[in-house]
């Protein structure tokens, strides 16, 4: 990875059928207090992924250069972007289980990837996180899998993250909103603010 962003338009590949249950202990053992940012991904347009070494987080724009604001949301009366879904974080232990090829991790569609317990019990709604020099707040909006997720990682992966325990552990990831602007870099620490 160099300092120039690489725009990828990845081709989804269906994962073979597999039993992901044995990975649960590994997911449950994720660090609870702090973790380093392992991957930052911008989504400038539909199906596009741009892996970067650093990014600006902004309370109005989300991750600068990401298409979140322009995409809008059907959930909003005015069709505008949902502030509760501004930025997504996914745990790398889940990705290790469903996709051993790290080069395909950006297909998940999340922006920040780290090895941290994202579960509701560990990071309840309203928890503030220091992400690099920015501050973000965990929102109540659940981040769930969809048909695109199943197409990219397999129906077994979608079923696994969609179990009651998978949802409680936020195995699909979680939404946060930026409350203080700042810069995040790969390797930066993420911890409760």
N, C-alpha and C. Protein backbone atom coordinates (compact mmCIF):
# COMPACT_ATOMS: atom_id res chain seq x y z
N UNK A 1 0.85 -1.16 0.00
CA UNK A 1 0.00 0.00 0.00
C UNK A 1 0.90 1.24 0.00
N UNK A 2 0.67 2.18 -0.91
CA UNK A 2 1.44 3.40 -0.94
C UNK A 2 0.58 4.55 -0.46
N UNK A 3 1.11 5.79 -0.54
CA UNK A 3 0.36 6.94 -0.06
C UNK A 3 -0.73 7.39 -1.01
N UNK A 4 -0.67 6.96 -2.25
CA UNK A 4 -1.70 7.30 -3.22
C UNK A 4 -2.88 6.35 -3.06
N UNK A 5 -4.11 6.88 -3.08
CA UNK A 5 -5.26 5.98 -2.97
C UNK A 5 -5.38 5.10 -4.20
N UNK A 6 -5.81 3.88 -3.97
CA UNK A 6 -6.06 2.95 -5.06
C UNK A 6 -7.55 2.74 -5.16
N UNK A 7 -8.12 3.02 -6.33
CA UNK A 7 -9.55 2.82 -6.51
C UNK A 7 -9.75 1.43 -7.07
N UNK A 8 -10.54 0.65 -6.36
CA UNK A 8 -10.83 -0.71 -6.77
C UNK A 8 -12.30 -0.82 -7.10
N UNK A 9 -12.60 -1.52 -8.15
CA UNK A 9 -13.97 -1.89 -8.47
C UNK A 9 -14.00 -3.41 -8.44
N UNK A 10 -14.03 -3.97 -7.20
CA UNK A 10 -13.87 -5.41 -7.05
C UNK A 10 -15.03 -6.21 -7.62
N UNK A 11 -14.70 -7.37 -8.07
CA UNK A 11 -15.69 -8.31 -8.58
C UNK A 11 -16.08 -9.24 -7.44
N UNK A 12 -17.36 -9.25 -7.04
CA UNK A 12 -17.78 -10.13 -5.96
C UNK A 12 -17.60 -11.60 -6.35
N UNK A 13 -17.27 -12.40 -5.35
CA UNK A 13 -17.16 -13.85 -5.56
C UNK A 13 -17.88 -14.54 -4.41
N UNK A 14 -18.75 -15.44 -4.73
CA UNK A 14 -19.51 -16.16 -3.70
C UNK A 14 -18.58 -17.10 -2.95
N UNK A 15 -18.69 -17.08 -1.63
CA UNK A 15 -17.87 -17.95 -0.79
C UNK A 15 -18.49 -19.34 -0.75
N UNK A 16 -17.66 -20.37 -0.63
CA UNK A 16 -18.19 -21.72 -0.52
C UNK A 16 -18.91 -21.91 0.82
N UNK A 17 -19.80 -22.89 0.87
CA UNK A 17 -20.53 -23.19 2.09
C UNK A 17 -19.55 -23.64 3.17
N UNK A 18 -19.75 -23.16 4.39
CA UNK A 18 -18.84 -23.53 5.48
C UNK A 18 -19.51 -23.31 6.82
N UNK A 19 -18.96 -23.95 7.85
CA UNK A 19 -19.44 -23.82 9.22
C UNK A 19 -18.58 -22.78 9.92
N UNK A 20 -19.16 -21.64 10.27
CA UNK A 20 -18.40 -20.56 10.90
C UNK A 20 -18.51 -20.58 12.42
N UNK A 21 -19.34 -21.48 12.97
CA UNK A 21 -19.52 -21.57 14.42
C UNK A 21 -18.24 -21.66 15.22
N UNK A 22 -17.25 -22.45 14.77
CA UNK A 22 -16.01 -22.55 15.55
C UNK A 22 -15.26 -21.23 15.72
N UNK A 23 -15.59 -20.22 14.91
CA UNK A 23 -14.93 -18.92 15.02
C UNK A 23 -15.49 -18.06 16.16
N UNK A 24 -16.61 -18.44 16.76
CA UNK A 24 -17.26 -17.58 17.76
C UNK A 24 -16.35 -17.27 18.95
N UNK A 25 -15.63 -18.25 19.44
CA UNK A 25 -14.73 -17.98 20.57
C UNK A 25 -13.69 -16.93 20.20
N UNK A 26 -13.18 -16.99 18.98
CA UNK A 26 -12.19 -16.01 18.51
C UNK A 26 -12.82 -14.61 18.45
N UNK A 27 -14.04 -14.52 17.96
CA UNK A 27 -14.73 -13.23 17.88
C UNK A 27 -14.98 -12.69 19.28
N UNK A 28 -15.47 -13.54 20.17
CA UNK A 28 -15.76 -13.12 21.55
C UNK A 28 -14.51 -12.66 22.30
N UNK A 29 -13.33 -13.12 21.89
CA UNK A 29 -12.09 -12.79 22.58
C UNK A 29 -11.44 -11.49 22.09
N UNK A 30 -12.14 -10.72 21.26
CA UNK A 30 -11.58 -9.45 20.77
C UNK A 30 -11.28 -8.52 21.93
N UNK A 31 -10.24 -7.71 21.82
CA UNK A 31 -9.92 -6.74 22.88
C UNK A 31 -11.11 -5.83 23.17
N UNK A 32 -11.30 -5.51 24.45
CA UNK A 32 -12.46 -4.72 24.87
C UNK A 32 -12.17 -3.23 25.02
N UNK A 33 -10.92 -2.87 25.23
CA UNK A 33 -10.62 -1.49 25.60
C UNK A 33 -10.07 -0.61 24.48
N UNK A 34 -9.22 -1.16 23.65
CA UNK A 34 -8.59 -0.35 22.60
C UNK A 34 -8.08 -1.25 21.49
N UNK A 35 -7.92 -0.65 20.32
CA UNK A 35 -7.40 -1.39 19.17
C UNK A 35 -6.80 -0.40 18.18
N UNK A 36 -5.97 -0.90 17.30
CA UNK A 36 -5.40 -0.06 16.24
C UNK A 36 -6.26 -0.17 14.98
N UNK A 37 -6.35 0.92 14.25
CA UNK A 37 -7.04 0.92 12.96
C UNK A 37 -6.18 0.09 12.00
N UNK A 38 -6.79 -0.94 11.41
CA UNK A 38 -6.06 -1.81 10.49
C UNK A 38 -6.27 -1.44 9.04
N UNK A 39 -7.42 -0.85 8.73
CA UNK A 39 -7.75 -0.56 7.34
C UNK A 39 -8.74 0.61 7.30
N UNK A 40 -8.53 1.53 6.35
CA UNK A 40 -9.44 2.64 6.12
C UNK A 40 -9.87 2.56 4.66
N UNK A 41 -11.18 2.60 4.43
CA UNK A 41 -11.71 2.46 3.07
C UNK A 41 -12.74 3.56 2.81
N UNK A 42 -12.56 4.26 1.69
CA UNK A 42 -13.56 5.22 1.23
C UNK A 42 -14.36 4.56 0.12
N UNK A 43 -15.63 4.98 -0.01
CA UNK A 43 -16.51 4.48 -1.06
C UNK A 43 -16.96 5.69 -1.89
N UNK A 44 -16.14 6.11 -2.84
CA UNK A 44 -16.47 7.34 -3.57
C UNK A 44 -17.72 7.24 -4.44
N UNK A 45 -18.03 6.07 -4.94
CA UNK A 45 -19.21 5.88 -5.77
C UNK A 45 -19.72 4.46 -5.62
N UNK A 46 -20.86 4.15 -6.22
CA UNK A 46 -21.42 2.80 -6.11
C UNK A 46 -20.43 1.73 -6.56
N UNK A 47 -20.19 0.76 -5.68
CA UNK A 47 -19.30 -0.35 -5.98
C UNK A 47 -17.83 -0.01 -5.97
N UNK A 48 -17.47 1.24 -5.69
CA UNK A 48 -16.06 1.64 -5.68
C UNK A 48 -15.50 1.58 -4.26
N UNK A 49 -14.25 1.17 -4.16
CA UNK A 49 -13.55 1.14 -2.87
C UNK A 49 -12.18 1.77 -3.07
N UNK A 50 -11.82 2.62 -2.13
CA UNK A 50 -10.54 3.31 -2.17
C UNK A 50 -9.86 3.10 -0.82
N UNK A 51 -8.80 2.33 -0.79
CA UNK A 51 -8.07 2.07 0.44
C UNK A 51 -7.03 3.17 0.63
N UNK A 52 -7.07 3.81 1.82
CA UNK A 52 -6.18 4.94 2.08
C UNK A 52 -5.45 4.71 3.41
N UNK A 53 -4.34 5.41 3.56
CA UNK A 53 -3.56 5.31 4.80
C UNK A 53 -4.04 6.28 5.87
N UNK A 54 -4.70 7.36 5.45
CA UNK A 54 -5.26 8.30 6.41
C UNK A 54 -6.48 8.97 5.81
N UNK A 55 -7.33 9.47 6.69
CA UNK A 55 -8.56 10.13 6.24
C UNK A 55 -8.96 11.18 7.26
N UNK A 56 -9.71 12.14 6.78
CA UNK A 56 -10.29 13.17 7.62
C UNK A 56 -11.69 12.75 7.99
N UNK A 57 -12.04 12.84 9.27
CA UNK A 57 -13.40 12.59 9.74
C UNK A 57 -14.02 13.93 10.09
N UNK A 58 -15.23 14.18 9.60
CA UNK A 58 -15.87 15.48 9.74
C UNK A 58 -17.32 15.29 10.20
N UNK A 59 -17.80 16.10 11.15
CA UNK A 59 -19.18 15.96 11.65
C UNK A 59 -20.25 16.14 10.58
N UNK A 60 -19.99 16.90 9.54
CA UNK A 60 -20.97 17.11 8.48
C UNK A 60 -20.80 16.14 7.31
N UNK A 61 -19.55 15.82 6.99
CA UNK A 61 -19.25 15.03 5.79
C UNK A 61 -18.99 13.55 6.06
N UNK A 62 -18.79 13.20 7.32
CA UNK A 62 -18.39 11.83 7.64
C UNK A 62 -16.93 11.64 7.30
N UNK A 63 -16.60 10.56 6.62
CA UNK A 63 -15.23 10.33 6.17
C UNK A 63 -15.08 11.09 4.85
N UNK A 64 -14.24 12.11 4.85
CA UNK A 64 -14.11 12.99 3.69
C UNK A 64 -13.64 12.18 2.48
N UNK A 65 -14.38 12.33 1.37
CA UNK A 65 -14.09 11.59 0.14
C UNK A 65 -14.95 10.35 -0.03
N UNK A 66 -15.69 9.99 1.02
CA UNK A 66 -16.63 8.87 0.96
C UNK A 66 -17.95 9.39 0.39
N UNK A 67 -18.71 8.53 -0.25
CA UNK A 67 -19.95 8.94 -0.87
C UNK A 67 -21.18 8.93 0.04
N UNK A 68 -21.00 8.75 1.35
CA UNK A 68 -22.13 8.65 2.28
C UNK A 68 -23.12 9.81 2.13
N UNK A 69 -22.62 11.03 2.13
CA UNK A 69 -23.48 12.20 2.12
C UNK A 69 -24.29 12.28 0.83
N UNK A 70 -23.66 12.03 -0.30
CA UNK A 70 -24.32 12.13 -1.59
C UNK A 70 -25.30 11.00 -1.88
N UNK A 71 -25.08 9.83 -1.26
CA UNK A 71 -25.95 8.68 -1.49
C UNK A 71 -27.33 8.88 -0.90
N UNK A 72 -27.41 9.57 0.21
CA UNK A 72 -28.69 9.75 0.87
C UNK A 72 -29.21 8.45 1.45
N UNK A 73 -30.47 8.50 1.90
CA UNK A 73 -31.07 7.33 2.54
C UNK A 73 -32.58 7.34 2.34
N UNK A 74 -33.11 6.19 1.96
CA UNK A 74 -34.58 6.05 1.86
C UNK A 74 -35.24 6.14 3.23
N UNK A 75 -34.48 5.93 4.30
CA UNK A 75 -35.02 5.99 5.65
C UNK A 75 -35.31 7.42 6.10
N UNK A 76 -34.74 8.39 5.40
CA UNK A 76 -34.93 9.79 5.78
C UNK A 76 -36.06 10.39 4.96
N UNK A 77 -36.93 11.16 5.60
CA UNK A 77 -38.09 11.76 4.93
C UNK A 77 -37.69 12.62 3.73
N UNK A 78 -36.57 13.32 3.86
CA UNK A 78 -36.12 14.20 2.78
C UNK A 78 -35.17 13.50 1.80
N UNK A 79 -34.90 12.21 2.03
CA UNK A 79 -33.99 11.46 1.16
C UNK A 79 -32.52 11.76 1.40
N UNK A 80 -32.23 12.62 2.38
CA UNK A 80 -30.85 12.98 2.68
C UNK A 80 -30.12 11.87 3.42
N UNK A 81 -28.85 12.08 3.63
CA UNK A 81 -28.01 11.11 4.34
C UNK A 81 -28.47 10.96 5.79
N UNK A 82 -28.45 9.73 6.28
CA UNK A 82 -28.85 9.46 7.66
C UNK A 82 -27.66 9.70 8.58
N UNK A 83 -27.72 10.71 9.47
CA UNK A 83 -26.59 10.98 10.35
C UNK A 83 -26.28 9.83 11.31
N UNK A 84 -27.25 8.95 11.54
CA UNK A 84 -27.03 7.79 12.41
C UNK A 84 -26.22 6.70 11.70
N UNK A 85 -26.05 6.83 10.38
CA UNK A 85 -25.31 5.85 9.58
C UNK A 85 -24.11 6.50 8.89
N UNK A 86 -23.53 7.48 9.54
CA UNK A 86 -22.48 8.28 8.91
C UNK A 86 -21.19 7.50 8.64
N UNK A 87 -20.80 6.67 9.55
CA UNK A 87 -19.52 5.96 9.46
C UNK A 87 -19.72 4.55 9.99
N UNK A 88 -19.13 3.56 9.35
CA UNK A 88 -19.27 2.18 9.81
C UNK A 88 -17.92 1.61 10.20
N UNK A 89 -17.96 0.84 11.27
CA UNK A 89 -16.76 0.17 11.79
C UNK A 89 -17.06 -1.32 11.82
N UNK A 90 -16.11 -2.12 11.36
CA UNK A 90 -16.28 -3.58 11.40
C UNK A 90 -15.07 -4.21 12.08
N UNK A 91 -15.34 -5.27 12.85
CA UNK A 91 -14.30 -6.00 13.54
C UNK A 91 -13.56 -6.96 12.61
N UNK A 92 -12.26 -6.96 12.70
CA UNK A 92 -11.45 -7.79 11.80
C UNK A 92 -11.55 -9.28 12.12
N UNK A 93 -11.91 -9.65 13.34
CA UNK A 93 -12.02 -11.08 13.66
C UNK A 93 -13.15 -11.73 12.88
N UNK A 94 -14.23 -11.01 12.67
CA UNK A 94 -15.33 -11.53 11.86
C UNK A 94 -14.87 -11.68 10.42
N UNK A 95 -14.18 -10.68 9.92
CA UNK A 95 -13.68 -10.74 8.55
C UNK A 95 -12.69 -11.88 8.36
N UNK A 96 -11.83 -12.12 9.34
CA UNK A 96 -10.89 -13.24 9.25
C UNK A 96 -11.64 -14.55 9.05
N UNK A 97 -12.79 -14.67 9.70
CA UNK A 97 -13.58 -15.90 9.60
C UNK A 97 -14.26 -16.04 8.25
N UNK A 98 -14.85 -14.95 7.76
CA UNK A 98 -15.65 -15.07 6.54
C UNK A 98 -14.85 -14.83 5.27
N UNK A 99 -13.69 -14.16 5.38
CA UNK A 99 -12.89 -13.86 4.19
C UNK A 99 -11.41 -13.83 4.53
N UNK A 100 -10.73 -14.97 4.34
CA UNK A 100 -9.30 -15.01 4.68
C UNK A 100 -8.42 -14.14 3.78
N UNK A 101 -8.92 -13.76 2.60
CA UNK A 101 -8.16 -12.90 1.69
C UNK A 101 -8.38 -11.44 2.10
N UNK A 102 -7.43 -10.88 2.81
CA UNK A 102 -7.51 -9.51 3.32
C UNK A 102 -7.75 -8.48 2.20
N UNK A 103 -7.31 -8.80 1.01
CA UNK A 103 -7.51 -7.91 -0.12
C UNK A 103 -8.98 -7.73 -0.49
N UNK A 104 -9.83 -8.65 -0.04
CA UNK A 104 -11.27 -8.56 -0.30
C UNK A 104 -12.04 -7.89 0.83
N UNK A 105 -11.38 -7.57 1.94
CA UNK A 105 -12.08 -6.96 3.07
C UNK A 105 -12.80 -5.66 2.70
N UNK A 106 -12.26 -4.80 1.83
CA UNK A 106 -12.99 -3.58 1.49
C UNK A 106 -14.38 -3.84 0.90
N UNK A 107 -14.61 -5.03 0.37
CA UNK A 107 -15.93 -5.36 -0.18
C UNK A 107 -17.03 -5.29 0.88
N UNK A 108 -16.67 -5.39 2.15
CA UNK A 108 -17.67 -5.34 3.22
C UNK A 108 -18.44 -4.01 3.18
N UNK A 109 -17.79 -2.97 2.68
CA UNK A 109 -18.47 -1.68 2.56
C UNK A 109 -18.33 -0.79 3.77
N UNK A 110 -17.58 -1.21 4.76
CA UNK A 110 -17.35 -0.39 5.95
C UNK A 110 -16.15 0.52 5.70
N UNK A 111 -15.99 1.53 6.54
CA UNK A 111 -14.88 2.46 6.34
C UNK A 111 -13.70 2.21 7.26
N UNK A 112 -13.96 1.77 8.49
CA UNK A 112 -12.86 1.51 9.43
C UNK A 112 -12.91 0.06 9.88
N UNK A 113 -11.76 -0.58 9.92
CA UNK A 113 -11.64 -1.98 10.31
C UNK A 113 -10.64 -2.07 11.45
N UNK A 114 -11.05 -2.72 12.55
CA UNK A 114 -10.16 -2.86 13.70
C UNK A 114 -10.52 -4.08 14.52
N UNK A 115 -9.57 -4.51 15.33
CA UNK A 115 -9.76 -5.69 16.18
C UNK A 115 -10.22 -5.22 17.56
N UNK A 116 -11.53 -5.04 17.71
CA UNK A 116 -12.12 -4.53 18.95
C UNK A 116 -13.47 -5.20 19.15
N UNK A 117 -13.83 -5.42 20.41
CA UNK A 117 -15.16 -5.93 20.75
C UNK A 117 -16.17 -4.82 20.50
N UNK A 118 -16.95 -4.95 19.43
CA UNK A 118 -17.95 -3.95 19.07
C UNK A 118 -19.31 -4.24 19.68
N UNK A 119 -19.41 -5.29 20.50
CA UNK A 119 -20.68 -5.73 21.06
C UNK A 119 -21.41 -4.65 21.84
N UNK A 120 -22.74 -4.76 21.85
CA UNK A 120 -23.59 -3.80 22.56
C UNK A 120 -23.24 -3.70 24.03
N UNK A 121 -22.86 -4.81 24.65
CA UNK A 121 -22.52 -4.79 26.08
C UNK A 121 -21.22 -4.02 26.31
N UNK A 122 -20.30 -4.07 25.37
CA UNK A 122 -19.01 -3.39 25.53
C UNK A 122 -19.07 -1.93 25.10
N UNK A 123 -19.78 -1.65 24.02
CA UNK A 123 -19.87 -0.29 23.48
C UNK A 123 -21.33 0.08 23.25
N UNK A 124 -22.07 0.37 24.34
CA UNK A 124 -23.48 0.69 24.18
C UNK A 124 -23.69 1.99 23.39
N UNK A 125 -24.90 2.15 22.88
CA UNK A 125 -25.27 3.38 22.18
C UNK A 125 -24.89 4.58 23.03
N UNK A 126 -24.30 5.58 22.38
CA UNK A 126 -23.88 6.79 23.09
C UNK A 126 -22.42 6.78 23.50
N UNK A 127 -21.76 5.62 23.47
CA UNK A 127 -20.34 5.56 23.81
C UNK A 127 -19.56 6.42 22.83
N UNK A 128 -18.65 7.21 23.36
CA UNK A 128 -17.79 8.03 22.51
C UNK A 128 -16.44 7.36 22.38
N UNK A 129 -15.94 7.38 21.14
CA UNK A 129 -14.66 6.75 20.82
C UNK A 129 -13.69 7.79 20.27
N UNK A 130 -12.47 7.77 20.78
CA UNK A 130 -11.40 8.56 20.18
C UNK A 130 -10.85 7.72 19.04
N UNK A 131 -10.93 8.28 17.83
CA UNK A 131 -10.46 7.60 16.63
C UNK A 131 -9.41 8.52 16.02
N UNK A 132 -8.13 8.21 16.23
CA UNK A 132 -7.09 9.16 15.85
C UNK A 132 -7.32 10.42 16.65
N UNK A 133 -7.41 11.58 15.97
CA UNK A 133 -7.67 12.84 16.67
C UNK A 133 -9.15 13.21 16.65
N UNK A 134 -9.99 12.37 16.06
CA UNK A 134 -11.43 12.63 15.98
C UNK A 134 -12.14 11.94 17.14
N UNK A 135 -13.38 12.37 17.36
CA UNK A 135 -14.26 11.71 18.33
C UNK A 135 -15.54 11.31 17.59
N UNK A 136 -15.97 10.08 17.79
CA UNK A 136 -17.21 9.59 17.19
C UNK A 136 -18.07 8.97 18.28
N UNK A 137 -19.37 8.91 18.03
CA UNK A 137 -20.33 8.38 19.00
C UNK A 137 -21.09 7.22 18.38
N UNK A 138 -21.20 6.12 19.14
CA UNK A 138 -21.94 4.94 18.69
C UNK A 138 -23.42 5.30 18.60
N UNK A 139 -24.06 4.99 17.46
CA UNK A 139 -25.48 5.30 17.28
C UNK A 139 -26.32 4.05 17.55
N UNK A 140 -27.62 4.26 17.67
CA UNK A 140 -28.54 3.16 17.97
C UNK A 140 -28.92 2.35 16.73
N UNK A 141 -28.67 2.88 15.55
CA UNK A 141 -29.08 2.22 14.32
C UNK A 141 -28.33 0.89 14.15
N UNK A 142 -29.04 -0.22 14.01
CA UNK A 142 -28.35 -1.50 13.81
C UNK A 142 -27.77 -1.59 12.40
N UNK A 143 -26.57 -2.13 12.31
CA UNK A 143 -25.91 -2.36 11.01
C UNK A 143 -26.11 -3.83 10.70
N UNK A 144 -26.91 -4.12 9.68
CA UNK A 144 -27.26 -5.51 9.37
C UNK A 144 -26.74 -5.90 7.99
N UNK A 145 -26.66 -7.18 7.77
CA UNK A 145 -26.22 -7.69 6.48
C UNK A 145 -27.32 -7.54 5.43
N UNK A 146 -26.93 -7.64 4.17
CA UNK A 146 -27.88 -7.49 3.07
C UNK A 146 -27.52 -8.47 1.96
N UNK A 147 -28.26 -8.41 0.88
CA UNK A 147 -28.01 -9.32 -0.24
C UNK A 147 -26.63 -9.09 -0.85
N UNK A 148 -26.15 -7.86 -0.85
CA UNK A 148 -24.80 -7.60 -1.37
C UNK A 148 -23.75 -8.28 -0.50
N UNK A 149 -23.95 -8.22 0.82
CA UNK A 149 -23.02 -8.87 1.74
C UNK A 149 -23.01 -10.37 1.47
N UNK A 150 -24.18 -10.96 1.29
CA UNK A 150 -24.27 -12.40 1.01
C UNK A 150 -23.62 -12.74 -0.33
N UNK A 151 -23.80 -11.89 -1.34
CA UNK A 151 -23.19 -12.14 -2.64
C UNK A 151 -21.67 -12.09 -2.57
N UNK A 152 -21.15 -11.26 -1.71
CA UNK A 152 -19.70 -11.09 -1.61
C UNK A 152 -19.04 -12.12 -0.70
N UNK A 153 -19.73 -12.49 0.39
CA UNK A 153 -19.10 -13.35 1.39
C UNK A 153 -19.83 -14.67 1.62
N UNK A 154 -20.97 -14.85 0.99
CA UNK A 154 -21.71 -16.10 1.09
C UNK A 154 -22.89 -16.02 2.03
N UNK A 155 -23.89 -16.84 1.76
CA UNK A 155 -25.09 -16.87 2.59
C UNK A 155 -24.79 -17.41 3.99
N UNK A 156 -23.79 -18.30 4.10
CA UNK A 156 -23.41 -18.80 5.42
C UNK A 156 -22.91 -17.65 6.30
N UNK A 157 -22.14 -16.74 5.72
CA UNK A 157 -21.63 -15.59 6.47
C UNK A 157 -22.78 -14.70 6.91
N UNK A 158 -23.73 -14.45 6.02
CA UNK A 158 -24.88 -13.62 6.37
C UNK A 158 -25.70 -14.25 7.48
N UNK A 159 -25.95 -15.55 7.39
CA UNK A 159 -26.70 -16.24 8.45
C UNK A 159 -25.95 -16.16 9.78
N UNK A 160 -24.65 -16.34 9.75
CA UNK A 160 -23.82 -16.35 10.96
C UNK A 160 -23.86 -15.00 11.67
N UNK A 161 -23.70 -13.92 10.93
CA UNK A 161 -23.70 -12.60 11.58
C UNK A 161 -25.10 -12.16 12.00
N UNK A 162 -26.13 -12.81 11.43
CA UNK A 162 -27.52 -12.42 11.69
C UNK A 162 -28.17 -13.17 12.83
N UNK A 163 -27.45 -14.08 13.48
CA UNK A 163 -28.00 -14.78 14.64
C UNK A 163 -28.21 -13.77 15.77
N UNK A 164 -29.03 -14.09 16.76
CA UNK A 164 -29.18 -13.16 17.89
C UNK A 164 -27.83 -12.80 18.53
N UNK A 165 -26.95 -13.79 18.70
CA UNK A 165 -25.64 -13.48 19.29
C UNK A 165 -24.82 -12.62 18.33
N UNK A 166 -24.88 -12.93 17.04
CA UNK A 166 -24.15 -12.14 16.04
C UNK A 166 -24.58 -10.68 16.05
N UNK A 167 -25.89 -10.45 16.19
CA UNK A 167 -26.40 -9.07 16.25
C UNK A 167 -25.97 -8.39 17.54
N UNK A 168 -26.04 -9.11 18.66
CA UNK A 168 -25.63 -8.54 19.94
C UNK A 168 -24.14 -8.17 19.95
N UNK A 169 -23.34 -8.99 19.27
CA UNK A 169 -21.90 -8.72 19.19
C UNK A 169 -21.56 -7.73 18.08
N UNK A 170 -22.60 -7.31 17.34
CA UNK A 170 -22.43 -6.40 16.19
C UNK A 170 -21.39 -6.96 15.22
N UNK A 171 -21.55 -8.23 14.89
CA UNK A 171 -20.60 -8.89 14.00
C UNK A 171 -20.62 -8.28 12.61
N UNK A 172 -21.72 -7.70 12.18
CA UNK A 172 -21.75 -7.02 10.89
C UNK A 172 -21.09 -5.65 10.98
N UNK A 173 -20.87 -5.19 12.19
CA UNK A 173 -20.26 -3.88 12.40
C UNK A 173 -21.24 -2.96 13.11
N UNK A 174 -20.81 -1.72 13.25
CA UNK A 174 -21.67 -0.74 13.94
C UNK A 174 -21.52 0.62 13.28
N UNK A 175 -22.57 1.42 13.47
CA UNK A 175 -22.56 2.79 12.98
C UNK A 175 -22.11 3.74 14.08
N UNK A 176 -21.38 4.75 13.67
CA UNK A 176 -21.01 5.86 14.56
C UNK A 176 -21.20 7.16 13.78
N UNK A 177 -21.34 8.24 14.52
CA UNK A 177 -21.39 9.56 13.89
C UNK A 177 -20.23 10.38 14.46
N UNK A 178 -19.64 11.19 13.62
CA UNK A 178 -18.50 12.01 14.02
C UNK A 178 -19.01 13.20 14.81
N UNK A 179 -18.47 13.41 16.02
CA UNK A 179 -18.87 14.56 16.83
C UNK A 179 -17.76 15.59 16.96
N UNK A 180 -16.52 15.21 16.67
CA UNK A 180 -15.41 16.16 16.63
C UNK A 180 -14.50 15.78 15.47
N UNK A 181 -14.22 16.72 14.61
CA UNK A 181 -13.39 16.46 13.44
C UNK A 181 -11.97 16.08 13.84
N UNK A 182 -11.34 15.32 12.98
CA UNK A 182 -9.95 14.95 13.22
C UNK A 182 -9.46 14.03 12.12
N UNK A 183 -8.23 13.62 12.25
CA UNK A 183 -7.59 12.75 11.27
C UNK A 183 -7.40 11.36 11.86
N UNK A 184 -7.62 10.34 11.05
CA UNK A 184 -7.36 8.97 11.46
C UNK A 184 -6.38 8.37 10.46
N UNK A 185 -5.43 7.61 10.98
CA UNK A 185 -4.43 6.96 10.15
C UNK A 185 -4.41 5.47 10.48
N UNK A 186 -4.04 4.66 9.50
CA UNK A 186 -3.82 3.24 9.78
C UNK A 186 -2.79 3.15 10.90
N UNK A 187 -3.10 2.35 11.91
CA UNK A 187 -2.21 2.21 13.07
C UNK A 187 -2.63 3.06 14.25
N UNK A 188 -3.49 4.08 14.03
CA UNK A 188 -3.96 4.92 15.14
C UNK A 188 -4.79 4.09 16.11
N UNK A 189 -4.76 4.49 17.36
CA UNK A 189 -5.49 3.82 18.42
C UNK A 189 -6.95 4.27 18.44
N UNK A 190 -7.85 3.32 18.68
CA UNK A 190 -9.27 3.62 18.90
C UNK A 190 -9.59 3.15 20.30
N UNK A 191 -10.15 4.04 21.12
CA UNK A 191 -10.49 3.71 22.51
C UNK A 191 -11.62 4.61 22.96
N UNK A 192 -12.23 4.27 24.08
CA UNK A 192 -13.28 5.13 24.63
C UNK A 192 -12.69 6.52 24.88
N UNK A 193 -13.48 7.54 24.54
CA UNK A 193 -13.01 8.92 24.72
C UNK A 193 -13.18 9.36 26.16
